PDB file of N, CA and C in Angstrom:
ATOM      1  N   MET A   1     104.650 115.543 164.931  1.00  0.00           N
ATOM      2  CA  MET A   1     103.711 115.091 163.907  1.00  0.00           C
ATOM      3  C   MET A   1     104.101 113.609 163.764  1.00  0.00           C
ATOM      4  N   ASP A   2     102.930 112.764 163.811  1.00  0.00           N
ATOM      5  CA  ASP A   2     103.253 111.351 163.621  1.00  0.00           C
ATOM      6  C   ASP A   2     103.390 111.045 162.182  1.00  0.00           C
ATOM      7  N   GLU A   3     103.818 109.800 161.834  1.00  0.00           N
ATOM      8  CA  GLU A   3     104.149 109.337 160.545  1.00  0.00           C
ATOM      9  C   GLU A   3     102.997 109.442 159.586  1.00  0.00           C
ATOM     10  N   MET A   4     101.852 109.091 159.990  1.00  0.00           N
ATOM     11  CA  MET A   4     100.579 109.106 159.166  1.00  0.00           C
ATOM     12  C   MET A   4     100.337 110.556 158.686  1.00  0.00           C
ATOM     13  N   ASN A   5     100.299 111.467 159.521  1.00  0.00           N
ATOM     14  CA  ASN A   5     100.146 112.822 159.100  1.00  0.00           C
ATOM     15  C   ASN A   5     101.219 113.357 158.139  1.00  0.00           C
ATOM     16  N   LEU A   6     102.424 112.989 158.370  1.00  0.00           N
ATOM     17  CA  LEU A   6     103.543 113.405 157.535  1.00  0.00           C
ATOM     18  C   LEU A   6     103.307 112.870 156.116  1.00  0.00           C
ATOM     19  N   GLU A   7     102.866 111.618 155.981  1.00  0.00           N
ATOM     20  CA  GLU A   7     102.582 111.100 154.700  1.00  0.00           C
ATOM     21  C   GLU A   7     101.444 111.797 154.006  1.00  0.00           C
ATOM     22  N   GLU A   8     100.448 112.135 154.750  1.00  0.00           N
ATOM     23  CA  GLU A   8      99.312 112.880 154.206  1.00  0.00           C
ATOM     24  C   GLU A   8      99.700 114.235 153.777  1.00  0.00           C
ATOM     25  N   LEU A   9     100.551 114.929 154.482  1.00  0.00           N
ATOM     26  CA  LEU A   9     101.060 116.217 154.158  1.00  0.00           C
ATOM     27  C   LEU A   9     101.936 116.145 152.797  1.00  0.00           C
ATOM     28  N   GLU A  10     102.771 115.011 152.654  1.00  0.00           N
ATOM     29  CA  GLU A  10     103.492 114.923 151.472  1.00  0.00           C
ATOM     30  C   GLU A  10     102.624 114.633 150.221  1.00  0.00           C
ATOM     31  N   MET A  11     101.555 113.836 150.431  1.00  0.00           N
ATOM     32  CA  MET A  11     100.580 113.684 149.329  1.00  0.00           C
ATOM     33  C   MET A  11      99.924 114.945 148.973  1.00  0.00           C
ATOM     34  N   ASP A  12      99.533 115.726 149.956  1.00  0.00           N
ATOM     35  CA  ASP A  12      98.788 116.964 149.646  1.00  0.00           C
ATOM     36  C   ASP A  12      99.752 117.914 148.879  1.00  0.00           C
ATOM     37  N   GLU A  13     100.995 118.006 149.212  1.00  0.00           N
ATOM     38  CA  GLU A  13     101.921 118.890 148.473  1.00  0.00           C
ATOM     39  C   GLU A  13     102.090 118.399 147.100  1.00  0.00           C
ATOM     40  N   LEU A  14     102.053 116.995 146.866  1.00  0.00           N
ATOM     41  CA  LEU A  14     102.250 116.527 145.480  1.00  0.00           C
ATOM     42  C   LEU A  14     101.078 116.866 144.640  1.00  0.00           C
ATOM     43  N   ASP A  15      99.793 116.960 145.231  1.00  0.00           N
ATOM     44  CA  ASP A  15      98.696 117.296 144.448  1.00  0.00           C
ATOM     45  C   ASP A  15      98.742 118.626 143.760  1.00  0.00           C
ATOM     46  N   ASN A  16      99.589 119.502 144.311  1.00  0.00           N
ATOM     47  CA  ASN A  16      99.665 120.853 143.711  1.00  0.00           C
ATOM     48  C   ASN A  16     100.803 120.946 142.616  1.00  0.00           C
ATOM     49  N   ILE A  17     101.395 119.858 142.250  1.00  0.00           N
ATOM     50  CA  ILE A  17     102.449 119.835 141.280  1.00  0.00           C
ATOM     51  C   ILE A  17     101.880 119.337 139.912  1.00  0.00           C
ATOM     52  N   LEU A  18     102.078 120.098 138.792  1.00  0.00           N
ATOM     53  CA  LEU A  18     101.765 119.768 137.546  1.00  0.00           C
ATOM     54  C   LEU A  18     103.026 119.578 136.767  1.00  0.00           C
ATOM     55  N   VAL A  19     103.109 118.471 135.922  1.00  0.00           N
ATOM     56  CA  VAL A  19     104.226 118.229 135.057  1.00  0.00           C
ATOM     57  C   VAL A  19     103.725 118.490 133.673  1.00  0.00           C
ATOM     58  N   LEU A  20     104.314 119.479 132.965  1.00  0.00           N
ATOM     59  CA  LEU A  20     103.880 119.720 131.593  1.00  0.00           C
ATOM     60  C   LEU A  20     105.229 119.652 130.650  1.00  0.00           C
ATOM     61  N   ASN A  21     104.934 119.487 129.385  1.00  0.00           N
ATOM     62  CA  ASN A  21     106.036 119.403 128.475  1.00  0.00           C
ATOM     63  C   ASN A  21     106.224 120.678 127.770  1.00  0.00           C
ATOM     64  N   ASP A  22     107.591 121.075 127.696  1.00  0.00           N
ATOM     65  CA  ASP A  22     107.756 122.387 127.010  1.00  0.00           C
ATOM     66  C   ASP A  22     107.931 122.237 125.496  1.00  0.00           C
ATOM     67  N   ALA A  23     108.159 123.194 124.799  1.00  0.00           N
ATOM     68  CA  ALA A  23     108.180 123.209 123.304  1.00  0.00           C
ATOM     69  C   ALA A  23     109.201 122.095 122.763  1.00  0.00           C
ATOM     70  N   ASP A  24     110.158 121.788 123.541  1.00  0.00           N
ATOM     71  CA  ASP A  24     111.196 120.800 123.109  1.00  0.00           C
ATOM     72  C   ASP A  24     110.817 119.317 123.673  1.00  0.00           C
ATOM     73  N   GLY A  25     109.725 119.209 124.361  1.00  0.00           N
ATOM     74  CA  GLY A  25     109.366 117.875 124.834  1.00  0.00           C
ATOM     75  C   GLY A  25     109.819 117.513 126.169  1.00  0.00           C
ATOM     76  N   ASN A  26     110.595 118.377 126.840  1.00  0.00           N
ATOM     77  CA  ASN A  26     111.129 118.195 128.201  1.00  0.00           C
ATOM     78  C   ASN A  26     110.013 118.365 129.210  1.00  0.00           C
ATOM     79  N   GLU A  27     110.089 117.497 130.262  1.00  0.00           N
ATOM     80  CA  GLU A  27     109.068 117.792 131.228  1.00  0.00           C
ATOM     81  C   GLU A  27     109.572 118.800 132.247  1.00  0.00           C
ATOM     82  N   VAL A  28     108.632 119.702 132.584  1.00  0.00           N
ATOM     83  CA  VAL A  28     108.848 120.825 133.421  1.00  0.00           C
ATOM     84  C   VAL A  28     107.822 120.744 134.646  1.00  0.00           C
ATOM     85  N   GLN A  29     108.190 120.897 135.800  1.00  0.00           N
ATOM     86  CA  GLN A  29     107.338 120.817 136.970  1.00  0.00           C
ATOM     87  C   GLN A  29     106.941 122.264 137.369  1.00  0.00           C
ATOM     88  N   PHE A  30     105.623 122.404 137.664  1.00  0.00           N
ATOM     89  CA  PHE A  30     105.104 123.642 138.097  1.00  0.00           C
ATOM     90  C   PHE A  30     104.322 123.458 139.384  1.00  0.00           C
ATOM     91  N   GLU A  31     104.322 124.456 140.360  1.00  0.00           N
ATOM     92  CA  GLU A  31     103.348 124.424 141.496  1.00  0.00           C
ATOM     93  C   GLU A  31     102.115 125.087 140.961  1.00  0.00           C
ATOM     94  N   TYR A  32     100.994 124.495 141.136  1.00  0.00           N
ATOM     95  CA  TYR A  32      99.718 125.024 140.921  1.00  0.00           C
ATOM     96  C   TYR A  32      99.413 126.142 141.977  1.00  0.00           C
ATOM     97  N   LEU A  33      99.095 127.390 141.678  1.00  0.00           N
ATOM     98  CA  LEU A  33      98.800 128.423 142.573  1.00  0.00           C
ATOM     99  C   LEU A  33      97.306 128.667 142.744  1.00  0.00           C
ATOM    100  N   ALA A  34      96.650 128.817 141.540  1.00  0.00           N
ATOM    101  CA  ALA A  34      95.305 129.227 141.619  1.00  0.00           C
ATOM    102  C   ALA A  34      94.580 129.069 140.209  1.00  0.00           C
ATOM    103  N   SER A  35      93.327 129.068 140.208  1.00  0.00           N
ATOM    104  CA  SER A  35      92.545 129.149 138.836  1.00  0.00           C
ATOM    105  C   SER A  35      91.875 130.589 139.025  1.00  0.00           C
ATOM    106  N   VAL A  36      91.810 131.291 137.839  1.00  0.00           N
ATOM    107  CA  VAL A  36      91.193 132.696 137.737  1.00  0.00           C
ATOM    108  C   VAL A  36      90.216 132.557 136.552  1.00  0.00           C
ATOM    109  N   ASP A  37      89.061 133.048 136.862  1.00  0.00           N
ATOM    110  CA  ASP A  37      88.062 133.133 135.739  1.00  0.00           C
ATOM    111  C   ASP A  37      88.098 134.543 135.214  1.00  0.00           C
ATOM    112  N   TYR A  38      88.248 134.725 133.847  1.00  0.00           N
ATOM    113  CA  TYR A  38      88.288 136.017 133.235  1.00  0.00           C
ATOM    114  C   TYR A  38      87.529 135.938 131.930  1.00  0.00           C
ATOM    115  N   GLU A  39      86.582 136.848 131.830  1.00  0.00           N
ATOM    116  CA  GLU A  39      85.852 137.053 130.533  1.00  0.00           C
ATOM    117  C   GLU A  39      85.307 135.526 130.064  1.00  0.00           C
ATOM    118  N   GLY A  40      84.753 134.854 130.917  1.00  0.00           N
ATOM    119  CA  GLY A  40      84.199 133.456 130.530  1.00  0.00           C
ATOM    120  C   GLY A  40      85.204 132.364 130.250  1.00  0.00           C
ATOM    121  N   ASP A  41      86.508 132.653 130.340  1.00  0.00           N
ATOM    122  CA  ASP A  41      87.543 131.567 130.368  1.00  0.00           C
ATOM    123  C   ASP A  41      88.104 131.353 131.763  1.00  0.00           C
ATOM    124  N   GLU A  42      88.715 130.087 131.781  1.00  0.00           N
ATOM    125  CA  GLU A  42      89.409 129.714 132.969  1.00  0.00           C
ATOM    126  C   GLU A  42      90.815 129.747 132.700  1.00  0.00           C
ATOM    127  N   TYR A  43      91.677 130.331 133.552  1.00  0.00           N
ATOM    128  CA  TYR A  43      93.142 130.373 133.532  1.00  0.00           C
ATOM    129  C   TYR A  43      93.712 129.812 134.711  1.00  0.00           C
ATOM    130  N   ILE A  44      94.917 129.162 134.616  1.00  0.00           N
ATOM    131  CA  ILE A  44      95.609 128.665 135.779  1.00  0.00           C
ATOM    132  C   ILE A  44      96.904 129.389 135.867  1.00  0.00           C
ATOM    133  N   VAL A  45      97.250 129.744 137.197  1.00  0.00           N
ATOM    134  CA  VAL A  45      98.500 130.397 137.564  1.00  0.00           C
ATOM    135  C   VAL A  45      99.379 129.435 138.213  1.00  0.00           C
ATOM    136  N   LEU A  46     100.607 129.424 137.581  1.00  0.00           N
ATOM    137  CA  LEU A  46     101.588 128.263 138.047  1.00  0.00           C
ATOM    138  C   LEU A  46     102.960 128.952 138.385  1.00  0.00           C
ATOM    139  N   MET A  47     103.688 128.352 139.259  1.00  0.00           N
ATOM    140  CA  MET A  47     104.987 128.790 139.503  1.00  0.00           C
ATOM    141  C   MET A  47     105.950 127.708 139.056  1.00  0.00           C
ATOM    142  N   PRO A  48     107.012 127.976 138.302  1.00  0.00           N
ATOM    143  CA  PRO A  48     108.007 127.022 137.960  1.00  0.00           C
ATOM    144  C   PRO A  48     108.620 126.467 139.263  1.00  0.00           C
ATOM    145  N   MET A  49     108.971 125.220 139.263  1.00  0.00           N
ATOM    146  CA  MET A  49     109.534 124.593 140.513  1.00  0.00           C
ATOM    147  C   MET A  49     111.078 124.801 140.441  1.00  0.00           C
ATOM    148  N   GLU A  50     111.661 124.947 139.254  1.00  0.00           N
ATOM    149  CA  GLU A  50     113.095 125.109 139.228  1.00  0.00           C
ATOM    150  C   GLU A  50     113.414 126.497 138.788  1.00  0.00           C
ATOM    151  N   GLY A  51     114.566 126.932 139.099  1.00  0.00           N
ATOM    152  CA  GLY A  51     115.126 128.260 138.793  1.00  0.00           C
ATOM    153  C   GLY A  51     114.912 129.311 139.867  1.00  0.00           C
ATOM    154  N   ASP A  52     115.475 130.506 139.719  1.00  0.00           N
ATOM    155  CA  ASP A  52     115.319 131.495 140.701  1.00  0.00           C
ATOM    156  C   ASP A  52     114.239 132.447 140.407  1.00  0.00           C
ATOM    157  N   ASP A  53     113.577 132.365 139.276  1.00  0.00           N
ATOM    158  CA  ASP A  53     112.545 133.103 138.883  1.00  0.00           C
ATOM    159  C   ASP A  53     111.444 133.383 140.006  1.00  0.00           C
ATOM    160  N   THR A  54     110.962 134.478 140.005  1.00  0.00           N
ATOM    161  CA  THR A  54     109.696 134.607 140.917  1.00  0.00           C
ATOM    162  C   THR A  54     108.454 134.959 140.030  1.00  0.00           C
ATOM    163  N   GLU A  55     108.670 134.836 138.794  1.00  0.00           N
ATOM    164  CA  GLU A  55     107.469 135.051 137.830  1.00  0.00           C
ATOM    165  C   GLU A  55     106.644 133.820 137.684  1.00  0.00           C
ATOM    166  N   VAL A  56     105.369 134.060 137.439  1.00  0.00           N
ATOM    167  CA  VAL A  56     104.406 133.018 137.341  1.00  0.00           C
ATOM    168  C   VAL A  56     104.120 132.665 135.821  1.00  0.00           C
ATOM    169  N   VAL A  57     103.414 131.671 135.566  1.00  0.00           N
ATOM    170  CA  VAL A  57     103.101 131.195 134.222  1.00  0.00           C
ATOM    171  C   VAL A  57     101.620 131.235 134.257  1.00  0.00           C
ATOM    172  N   ILE A  58     100.869 131.887 133.282  1.00  0.00           N
ATOM    173  CA  ILE A  58      99.471 131.849 133.180  1.00  0.00           C
ATOM    174  C   ILE A  58      99.055 131.103 131.862  1.00  0.00           C
ATOM    175  N   LEU A  59      98.215 130.132 132.135  1.00  0.00           N
ATOM    176  CA  LEU A  59      97.862 129.220 130.880  1.00  0.00           C
ATOM    177  C   LEU A  59      96.268 129.178 130.787  1.00  0.00           C
ATOM    178  N   LEU A  60      95.824 129.299 129.643  1.00  0.00           N
ATOM    179  CA  LEU A  60      94.395 129.067 129.399  1.00  0.00           C
ATOM    180  C   LEU A  60      93.975 127.644 129.539  1.00  0.00           C
ATOM    181  N   VAL A  61      92.903 127.302 130.209  1.00  0.00           N
ATOM    182  CA  VAL A  61      92.398 125.909 130.365  1.00  0.00           C
ATOM    183  C   VAL A  61      91.378 125.703 129.231  1.00  0.00           C
ATOM    184  N   GLN A  62      91.527 124.723 128.547  1.00  0.00           N
ATOM    185  CA  GLN A  62      90.526 124.332 127.539  1.00  0.00           C
ATOM    186  C   GLN A  62      90.171 122.791 127.638  1.00  0.00           C
ATOM    187  N   PRO A  63      88.897 122.437 127.690  1.00  0.00           N
ATOM    188  CA  PRO A  63      88.533 121.045 127.697  1.00  0.00           C
ATOM    189  C   PRO A  63      88.991 120.309 126.438  1.00  0.00           C
ATOM    190  N   VAL A  64      89.388 119.097 126.581  1.00  0.00           N
ATOM    191  CA  VAL A  64      89.698 118.359 125.338  1.00  0.00           C
ATOM    192  C   VAL A  64      88.374 117.684 124.946  1.00  0.00           C
ATOM    193  N   GLU A  65      88.249 117.913 123.565  1.00  0.00           N
ATOM    194  CA  GLU A  65      86.874 117.362 122.954  1.00  0.00           C
ATOM    195  C   GLU A  65      86.798 115.847 123.102  1.00  0.00           C
ATOM    196  N   GLY A  66      85.592 115.379 123.454  1.00  0.00           N
ATOM    197  CA  GLY A  66      85.465 114.015 123.680  1.00  0.00           C
ATOM    198  C   GLY A  66      85.793 113.420 125.004  1.00  0.00           C
ATOM    199  N   SER A  67      86.218 114.293 125.846  1.00  0.00           N
ATOM    200  CA  SER A  67      86.654 113.913 127.168  1.00  0.00           C
ATOM    201  C   SER A  67      85.964 114.796 128.272  1.00  0.00           C
ATOM    202  N   ASP A  68      85.419 114.242 129.315  1.00  0.00           N
ATOM    203  CA  ASP A  68      84.854 115.012 130.400  1.00  0.00           C
ATOM    204  C   ASP A  68      85.829 115.432 131.401  1.00  0.00           C
ATOM    205  N   GLU A  69      87.029 114.780 131.371  1.00  0.00           N
ATOM    206  CA  GLU A  69      87.937 115.035 132.469  1.00  0.00           C
ATOM    207  C   GLU A  69      89.296 115.661 132.005  1.00  0.00           C
ATOM    208  N   GLU A  70      89.710 115.449 130.827  1.00  0.00           N
ATOM    209  CA  GLU A  70      90.995 115.978 130.358  1.00  0.00           C
ATOM    210  C   GLU A  70      90.853 117.383 129.973  1.00  0.00           C
ATOM    211  N   GLU A  71      91.979 118.150 130.230  1.00  0.00           N
ATOM    212  CA  GLU A  71      92.006 119.512 129.857  1.00  0.00           C
ATOM    213  C   GLU A  71      93.366 119.850 129.125  1.00  0.00           C
ATOM    214  N   ALA A  72      93.293 120.827 128.308  1.00  0.00           N
ATOM    215  CA  ALA A  72      94.545 121.285 127.580  1.00  0.00           C
ATOM    216  C   ALA A  72      94.951 122.645 128.111  1.00  0.00           C
ATOM    217  N   TYR A  73      96.216 122.810 128.354  1.00  0.00           N
ATOM    218  CA  TYR A  73      96.735 124.166 128.818  1.00  0.00           C
ATOM    219  C   TYR A  73      97.391 124.865 127.643  1.00  0.00           C
ATOM    220  N   ILE A  74      96.975 126.017 127.395  1.00  0.00           N
ATOM    221  CA  ILE A  74      97.439 126.734 126.188  1.00  0.00           C
ATOM    222  C   ILE A  74      98.064 128.041 126.745  1.00  0.00           C
ATOM    223  N   GLY A  75      99.292 128.356 126.054  1.00  0.00           N
ATOM    224  CA  GLY A  75     100.024 129.578 126.498  1.00  0.00           C
ATOM    225  C   GLY A  75      99.256 130.803 125.960  1.00  0.00           C
ATOM    226  N   VAL A  76      99.312 131.845 126.823  1.00  0.00           N
ATOM    227  CA  VAL A  76      98.621 133.099 126.479  1.00  0.00           C
ATOM    228  C   VAL A  76      99.689 134.133 126.040  1.00  0.00           C
ATOM    229  N   THR A  77      99.499 134.719 124.778  1.00  0.00           N
ATOM    230  CA  THR A  77     100.375 135.656 124.196  1.00  0.00           C
ATOM    231  C   THR A  77      99.839 137.099 124.306  1.00  0.00           C
ATOM    232  N   ASP A  78      98.581 137.186 124.627  1.00  0.00           N
ATOM    233  CA  ASP A  78      97.927 138.581 124.631  1.00  0.00           C
ATOM    234  C   ASP A  78      98.343 139.255 126.029  1.00  0.00           C
ATOM    235  N   GLU A  79      99.111 140.237 125.951  1.00  0.00           N
ATOM    236  CA  GLU A  79      99.645 140.921 127.235  1.00  0.00           C
ATOM    237  C   GLU A  79      98.475 141.547 128.026  1.00  0.00           C
ATOM    238  N   ALA A  80      97.474 142.005 127.386  1.00  0.00           N
ATOM    239  CA  ALA A  80      96.309 142.608 128.133  1.00  0.00           C
ATOM    240  C   ALA A  80      95.690 141.477 128.993  1.00  0.00           C
ATOM    241  N   ILE A  81      95.448 140.263 128.382  1.00  0.00           N
ATOM    242  CA  ILE A  81      94.870 139.158 129.157  1.00  0.00           C
ATOM    243  C   ILE A  81      95.775 138.735 130.323  1.00  0.00           C
ATOM    244  N   LEU A  82      97.036 138.647 130.000  1.00  0.00           N
ATOM    245  CA  LEU A  82      97.980 138.232 131.125  1.00  0.00           C
ATOM    246  C   LEU A  82      97.938 139.269 132.259  1.00  0.00           C
ATOM    247  N   GLU A  83      98.030 140.516 131.913  1.00  0.00           N
ATOM    248  CA  GLU A  83      97.943 141.554 132.891  1.00  0.00           C
ATOM    249  C   GLU A  83      96.671 141.509 133.786  1.00  0.00           C
ATOM    250  N   ALA A  84      95.431 141.280 133.003  1.00  0.00           N
ATOM    251  CA  ALA A  84      94.177 141.330 133.725  1.00  0.00           C
ATOM    252  C   ALA A  84      94.087 140.107 134.580  1.00  0.00           C
ATOM    253  N   VAL A  85      94.459 138.925 134.138  1.00  0.00           N
ATOM    254  CA  VAL A  85      94.436 137.657 134.939  1.00  0.00           C
ATOM    255  C   VAL A  85      95.321 137.723 136.152  1.00  0.00           C
ATOM    256  N   PHE A  86      96.554 138.343 136.002  1.00  0.00           N
ATOM    257  CA  PHE A  86      97.445 138.534 137.084  1.00  0.00           C
ATOM    258  C   PHE A  86      96.979 139.493 138.049  1.00  0.00           C
ATOM    259  N   GLU A  87      96.292 140.501 137.680  1.00  0.00           N
ATOM    260  CA  GLU A  87      95.668 141.502 138.576  1.00  0.00           C
ATOM    261  C   GLU A  87      94.604 140.859 139.433  1.00  0.00           C
ATOM    262  N   ILE A  88      93.771 140.071 138.826  1.00  0.00           N
ATOM    263  CA  ILE A  88      92.752 139.279 139.525  1.00  0.00           C
ATOM    264  C   ILE A  88      93.324 138.385 140.567  1.00  0.00           C
ATOM    265  N   PHE A  89      94.330 137.619 140.136  1.00  0.00           N
ATOM    266  CA  PHE A  89      95.122 136.739 140.936  1.00  0.00           C
ATOM    267  C   PHE A  89      95.694 137.428 142.172  1.00  0.00           C
ATOM    268  N   LYS A  90      96.303 138.702 141.958  1.00  0.00           N
ATOM    269  CA  LYS A  90      96.865 139.399 143.099  1.00  0.00           C
ATOM    270  C   LYS A  90      95.757 139.929 144.040  1.00  0.00           C
ATOM    271  N   GLU A  91      94.605 140.375 143.531  1.00  0.00           N
ATOM    272  CA  GLU A  91      93.560 140.804 144.342  1.00  0.00           C
ATOM    273  C   GLU A  91      93.018 139.611 145.341  1.00  0.00           C
ATOM    274  N   GLN A  92      92.857 138.474 144.578  1.00  0.00           N
ATOM    275  CA  GLN A  92      92.289 137.303 145.370  1.00  0.00           C
ATOM    276  C   GLN A  92      93.226 136.637 146.315  1.00  0.00           C
ATOM    277  N   PHE A  93      94.522 136.829 146.252  1.00  0.00           N
ATOM    278  CA  PHE A  93      95.593 136.134 146.974  1.00  0.00           C
ATOM    279  C   PHE A  93      96.517 137.139 147.663  1.00  0.00           C
ATOM    280  N   SER A  94      96.146 138.381 147.772  1.00  0.00           N
ATOM    281  CA  SER A  94      97.161 139.320 148.367  1.00  0.00           C
ATOM    282  C   SER A  94      97.339 139.030 150.006  1.00  0.00           C
ATOM    283  N   ASP A  95      96.538 138.356 150.546  1.00  0.00           N
ATOM    284  CA  ASP A  95      96.693 137.937 151.937  1.00  0.00           C
ATOM    285  C   ASP A  95      97.599 136.700 152.093  1.00  0.00           C
ATOM    286  N   ILE A  96      97.817 135.978 150.939  1.00  0.00           N
ATOM    287  CA  ILE A  96      98.706 134.818 150.994  1.00  0.00           C
ATOM    288  C   ILE A  96     100.003 134.997 150.445  1.00  0.00           C
ATOM    289  N   PHE A  97     100.138 135.782 149.355  1.00  0.00           N
ATOM    290  CA  PHE A  97     101.389 135.994 148.607  1.00  0.00           C
ATOM    291  C   PHE A  97     101.830 137.465 148.796  1.00  0.00           C
ATOM    292  N   GLU A  98     103.090 137.689 148.790  1.00  0.00           N
ATOM    293  CA  GLU A  98     103.643 138.969 148.769  1.00  0.00           C
ATOM    294  C   GLU A  98     104.006 139.361 147.181  1.00  0.00           C
ATOM    295  N   PHE A  99     103.593 140.539 146.857  1.00  0.00           N
ATOM    296  CA  PHE A  99     103.817 140.829 145.398  1.00  0.00           C
ATOM    297  C   PHE A  99     104.712 142.121 145.336  1.00  0.00           C
ATOM    298  N   GLU A 100     105.672 142.063 144.514  1.00  0.00           N
ATOM    299  CA  GLU A 100     106.607 143.257 144.214  1.00  0.00           C
ATOM    300  C   GLU A 100     105.880 144.191 143.141  1.00  0.00           C
ATOM    301  N   GLU A 101     106.020 145.329 143.302  1.00  0.00           N
ATOM    302  CA  GLU A 101     105.450 146.396 142.323  1.00  0.00           C
ATOM    303  C   GLU A 101     106.496 146.755 141.340  1.00  0.00           C
TER     304      GLU A 101
END
């Protein structure tokens, strides 16, 4: 692989990284895996970049009022929604990811 393609690959990988602030204001990096539509809402599925966890994080996407481009990511506490969104994610990406039962 020549140097130009390597740089493009590294930039593409960085496009999948989201940096969010946790409840304590600490920056946490996540790998963006997918967007899932469920009952008229959009959710994003993220994988934490640090730690040994194989669990994903699911956040509700909400547009920021007064902005056409900004989005807010809101934690989901409803277990039924989390399970439904994760099931849709699993169905859509079963050929890419391996899931444990």
